[in-house]
Amino acid sequence: MLVHQPTTHIRQIPFDGCETKHTALVDEAAIMYAVPSHRLRIRHAAPDDADAIGDTHAAAWNAAYTHIFEPAFLESAALGRRAGWRLTLPRLILAPNIVLVAERDGDVIGFAHASPQAAETVVAEIHGFYVHPDAWGSDVAEALMTRTCSALAANSEGVVLWTLREAQRARHFYEKVGFRPTGRERAESLTDWTSGTSVERPAVEYARTLAPQRLTPPA
């Protein structure tokens, strides 16, 4: 499902972090999970994870969105996501953002990006959540979401996310891990990070409450 990556010129990527002041999310030591036949590690992302995050992002788009986007746009947008994380990751790992990766047997196969909402500090938002198709059907996505919500609970009482209305696999997963639709919908603008071309697709909002967590910084 991976596609050939030609040399591309990358424009500014439309990933905007929250600009309001919040207490920084407390960093934790990486957490290990037992996944059958594999060693799964959930940890905070580092700048050198950019290529692996990009590969996961592109592969997930190519596998999940063939029924949502025209082939030409999907191919180009996936390529842009594969290459574009080198530019955007360094600023997304700064507080109050949080970017976590799921690493199986040493390979990054999933990531989550979240931050507090600008208008309401007690609610966080998950801006991106993707797992490589090779790990679909395993416990990787659930472990990554559990860890993401645990980290967000340090400063937030709830979390929301938006997903494409026609992305039924994603919607089923979010409901499985405790999210519920709020009834809100909007036209979501999806951009090709390489060309800047955008298309709109209907999106729906999901929300869930977060259990209070007492996080301890590493020694």
Protein backbone atom coordinates (compact mmCIF):
# COMPACT_ATOMS: atom_id res chain seq x y z
CA MET A 1 0.00 0.00 0.00
CA LEU A 2 3.02 2.28 0.10
CA VAL A 3 3.61 4.38 -2.98
CA HIS A 4 6.80 5.52 -4.69
CA GLN A 5 8.03 8.86 -3.40
CA PRO A 6 9.37 11.21 -6.05
CA THR A 7 11.35 14.32 -5.20
CA THR A 8 8.83 16.91 -4.03
CA HIS A 9 8.80 20.56 -3.04
CA ILE A 10 7.07 20.96 0.32
CA ARG A 11 5.01 24.04 1.09
CA GLN A 12 4.09 25.23 4.57
CA ILE A 13 2.02 22.56 6.27
CA PRO A 14 -1.34 23.60 7.81
CA PHE A 15 -0.79 22.12 11.25
CA ASP A 16 -1.30 24.94 13.79
CA GLY A 17 -0.51 24.39 17.44
CA CYS A 18 -2.54 26.00 20.20
CA GLU A 19 -1.29 29.51 20.97
CA THR A 20 -2.96 29.97 24.35
CA LYS A 21 -1.01 29.43 27.55
CA HIS A 22 -1.51 26.15 29.37
CA THR A 23 0.36 24.12 31.92
CA ALA A 24 2.74 21.89 29.97
CA LEU A 25 1.81 18.23 29.77
CA VAL A 26 3.96 16.18 32.13
CA ASP A 27 6.38 13.90 30.32
CA GLU A 28 6.40 10.27 31.37
CA ALA A 29 8.84 7.47 30.77
CA ALA A 30 7.83 5.32 27.82
CA ILE A 31 5.28 2.64 28.65
CA MET A 32 5.60 -0.93 27.44
CA TYR A 33 2.57 -2.98 26.38
CA ALA A 34 2.28 -6.69 25.76
CA VAL A 35 1.01 -7.33 22.23
CA PRO A 36 1.03 -10.96 21.07
CA SER A 37 4.37 -11.88 19.46
CA HIS A 38 5.59 -8.27 19.53
CA ARG A 39 7.11 -5.70 21.86
CA LEU A 40 5.08 -2.48 21.76
CA ARG A 41 6.36 0.78 23.21
CA ILE A 42 4.34 4.00 23.51
CA ARG A 43 6.56 7.06 23.89
CA HIS A 44 6.81 10.76 23.14
CA ALA A 45 7.91 11.53 19.60
CA ALA A 46 11.37 12.89 18.80
CA PRO A 47 12.44 14.92 15.73
CA ASP A 48 14.08 11.90 14.10
CA ASP A 49 10.72 10.06 14.07
CA ALA A 50 9.51 12.34 11.26
CA ASP A 51 10.12 9.94 8.37
CA ALA A 52 8.50 6.99 10.13
CA ILE A 53 5.48 9.10 11.11
CA GLY A 54 5.22 10.28 7.51
CA ASP A 55 5.32 6.72 6.20
CA THR A 56 2.56 5.69 8.64
CA HIS A 57 0.44 8.72 7.76
CA ALA A 58 0.75 8.12 3.99
CA ALA A 59 0.08 4.39 4.23
CA ALA A 60 -3.01 4.94 6.38
CA TRP A 61 -4.41 7.53 3.95
CA ASN A 62 -3.83 5.24 0.97
CA ALA A 63 -5.53 2.32 2.70
CA ALA A 64 -8.43 4.12 4.37
CA TYR A 65 -9.51 6.89 2.02
CA THR A 66 -9.79 5.34 -1.44
CA HIS A 67 -13.58 5.70 -1.30
CA ILE A 68 -13.43 9.29 -0.04
CA PHE A 69 -10.98 11.08 -2.35
CA GLU A 70 -10.29 11.09 -6.06
CA PRO A 71 -7.23 8.92 -6.89
CA ALA A 72 -5.03 11.80 -8.09
CA PHE A 73 -5.65 13.92 -4.98
CA LEU A 74 -5.20 10.94 -2.65
CA GLU A 75 -1.89 9.94 -4.21
CA SER A 76 -0.48 13.47 -4.07
CA ALA A 77 -1.79 14.19 -0.57
CA ALA A 78 -0.33 10.94 0.75
CA LEU A 79 3.05 11.77 -0.78
CA GLY A 80 2.95 15.18 0.87
CA ARG A 81 2.26 13.64 4.24
CA ARG A 82 5.08 11.18 3.82
CA ALA A 83 7.61 13.97 3.24
CA GLY A 84 6.06 16.83 5.17
CA TRP A 85 6.57 15.66 8.74
CA ARG A 86 10.23 16.66 8.61
CA LEU A 87 9.08 20.28 8.58
CA THR A 88 6.15 20.15 10.96
CA LEU A 89 7.20 17.70 13.70
CA PRO A 90 9.81 19.92 15.44
CA ARG A 91 7.16 22.51 16.34
CA LEU A 92 4.41 20.00 17.09
CA ILE A 93 6.43 18.33 19.85
CA LEU A 94 6.55 21.61 21.80
CA ALA A 95 4.13 22.15 24.72
CA PRO A 96 1.21 22.38 24.97
CA ASN A 97 1.12 19.93 22.06
CA ILE A 98 1.68 16.26 22.61
CA VAL A 99 2.80 13.80 19.94
CA LEU A 100 3.05 10.13 20.88
CA VAL A 101 4.28 7.26 18.74
CA ALA A 102 3.61 3.55 18.93
CA GLU A 103 6.80 1.59 18.31
CA ARG A 104 6.59 -2.15 17.64
CA ASP A 105 9.82 -4.13 17.64
CA GLY A 106 11.68 -0.84 17.18
CA ASP A 107 9.58 0.42 14.24
CA VAL A 108 7.18 3.36 14.54
CA ILE A 109 3.76 2.16 13.32
CA GLY A 110 1.37 4.71 14.80
CA PHE A 111 1.15 8.26 16.09
CA ALA A 112 -1.22 10.63 17.86
CA HIS A 113 -1.13 14.45 17.95
CA ALA A 114 -3.22 16.38 20.48
CA SER A 115 -3.34 19.68 22.34
CA PRO A 116 -5.64 21.69 24.63
CA GLN A 117 -8.39 23.52 22.79
CA ALA A 118 -7.74 27.24 22.40
CA ALA A 119 -11.12 28.37 23.71
CA GLU A 120 -11.56 25.97 26.61
CA THR A 121 -8.60 24.72 28.61
CA VAL A 122 -10.46 21.83 30.28
CA VAL A 123 -11.06 20.15 26.90
CA ALA A 124 -8.30 18.74 24.70
CA GLU A 125 -8.48 17.87 21.02
CA ILE A 126 -6.88 14.99 19.14
CA HIS A 127 -5.85 16.47 15.81
CA GLY A 128 -4.40 13.35 14.22
CA PHE A 129 -4.49 9.64 15.06
CA TYR A 130 -3.16 7.06 12.60
CA VAL A 131 -1.87 3.50 12.74
CA HIS A 132 -0.09 1.78 9.86
CA PRO A 133 -2.40 -0.63 7.99
CA ASP A 134 0.00 -3.49 8.79
CA ALA A 135 -1.07 -3.08 12.44
CA TRP A 136 -4.81 -2.79 11.85
CA GLY A 137 -6.72 -5.45 13.74
CA SER A 138 -4.08 -5.67 16.49
CA ASP A 139 -4.10 -3.95 19.88
CA VAL A 140 -1.75 -1.17 18.74
CA ALA A 141 -4.40 1.50 18.12
CA GLU A 142 -6.17 0.82 21.40
CA ALA A 143 -2.92 0.97 23.37
CA LEU A 144 -1.95 4.23 21.67
CA MET A 145 -5.35 5.82 22.36
CA THR A 146 -5.27 4.69 25.99
CA ARG A 147 -1.87 6.28 26.48
CA THR A 148 -2.91 9.46 24.65
CA CYS A 149 -6.00 9.94 26.81
CA SER A 150 -4.00 9.20 29.95
CA ALA A 151 -1.50 11.92 29.07
CA LEU A 152 -4.23 14.44 28.22
CA ALA A 153 -6.05 13.76 31.50
CA ALA A 154 -3.24 15.52 33.37
CA ASN A 155 -4.71 18.88 32.34
CA SER A 156 -8.06 18.16 30.68
CA GLU A 157 -11.45 16.82 31.71
CA GLY A 158 -12.51 15.74 28.24
CA VAL A 159 -11.26 15.27 24.71
CA VAL A 160 -12.82 15.75 21.27
CA LEU A 161 -11.80 14.79 17.76
CA TRP A 162 -13.14 15.20 14.25
CA THR A 163 -13.15 12.40 11.69
CA LEU A 164 -14.48 12.14 8.16
CA ARG A 165 -18.12 11.11 8.06
CA GLU A 166 -17.45 8.36 5.53
CA ALA A 167 -14.46 6.91 7.44
CA GLN A 168 -16.49 4.09 8.93
CA ARG A 169 -13.53 2.04 10.15
CA ALA A 170 -12.19 5.00 12.13
CA ARG A 171 -15.61 5.83 13.53
CA HIS A 172 -16.11 2.24 14.69
CA PHE A 173 -12.75 2.32 16.45
CA TYR A 174 -13.44 5.62 18.23
CA GLU A 175 -16.75 4.29 19.51
CA LYS A 176 -15.05 1.09 20.66
CA VAL A 177 -12.63 3.07 22.86
CA GLY A 178 -15.27 5.24 24.49
CA PHE A 179 -15.90 8.19 22.15
CA ARG A 180 -19.45 9.15 21.25
CA PRO A 181 -20.75 11.38 18.44
CA THR A 182 -21.77 14.84 19.63
CA GLY A 183 -24.11 15.50 16.72
CA ARG A 184 -21.94 18.30 15.39
CA GLU A 185 -20.84 18.22 11.75
CA ARG A 186 -18.72 20.50 9.58
CA ALA A 187 -17.11 20.71 6.18
CA GLU A 188 -13.50 19.64 6.73
CA SER A 189 -10.85 21.11 4.43
CA LEU A 190 -8.19 18.52 3.59
CA THR A 191 -5.02 19.90 2.05
CA ASP A 192 -2.36 18.40 -0.19
CA TRP A 193 0.72 19.53 1.75
CA THR A 194 2.82 19.54 -1.43
CA SER A 195 0.65 21.61 -3.78
CA GLY A 196 -1.60 23.40 -1.30
CA THR A 197 -4.70 22.14 -3.12
CA SER A 198 -7.65 21.58 -0.78
CA VAL A 199 -10.88 19.64 -0.98
CA GLU A 200 -13.79 19.59 1.45
CA ARG A 201 -15.43 16.53 2.91
CA PRO A 202 -18.08 16.23 5.66
CA ALA A 203 -16.70 15.48 9.13
CA VAL A 204 -18.32 14.53 12.42
CA GLU A 205 -17.25 15.30 15.98
CA TYR A 206 -16.69 12.72 18.71
CA ALA A 207 -16.08 13.32 22.43
CA ARG A 208 -15.34 11.44 25.63
CA THR A 209 -14.61 12.32 29.23
CA LEU A 210 -11.19 11.72 30.75
CA ALA A 211 -10.57 10.07 34.08
CA PRO A 212 -8.29 12.13 36.37
CA GLN A 213 -4.71 10.91 36.22
CA ARG A 214 -1.84 11.50 38.58
CA LEU A 215 1.25 11.60 36.34
CA THR A 216 4.76 11.42 37.73
CA PRO A 217 7.76 12.82 35.83
CA PRO A 218 10.64 10.41 35.16
CA ALA A 219 13.52 10.38 37.59
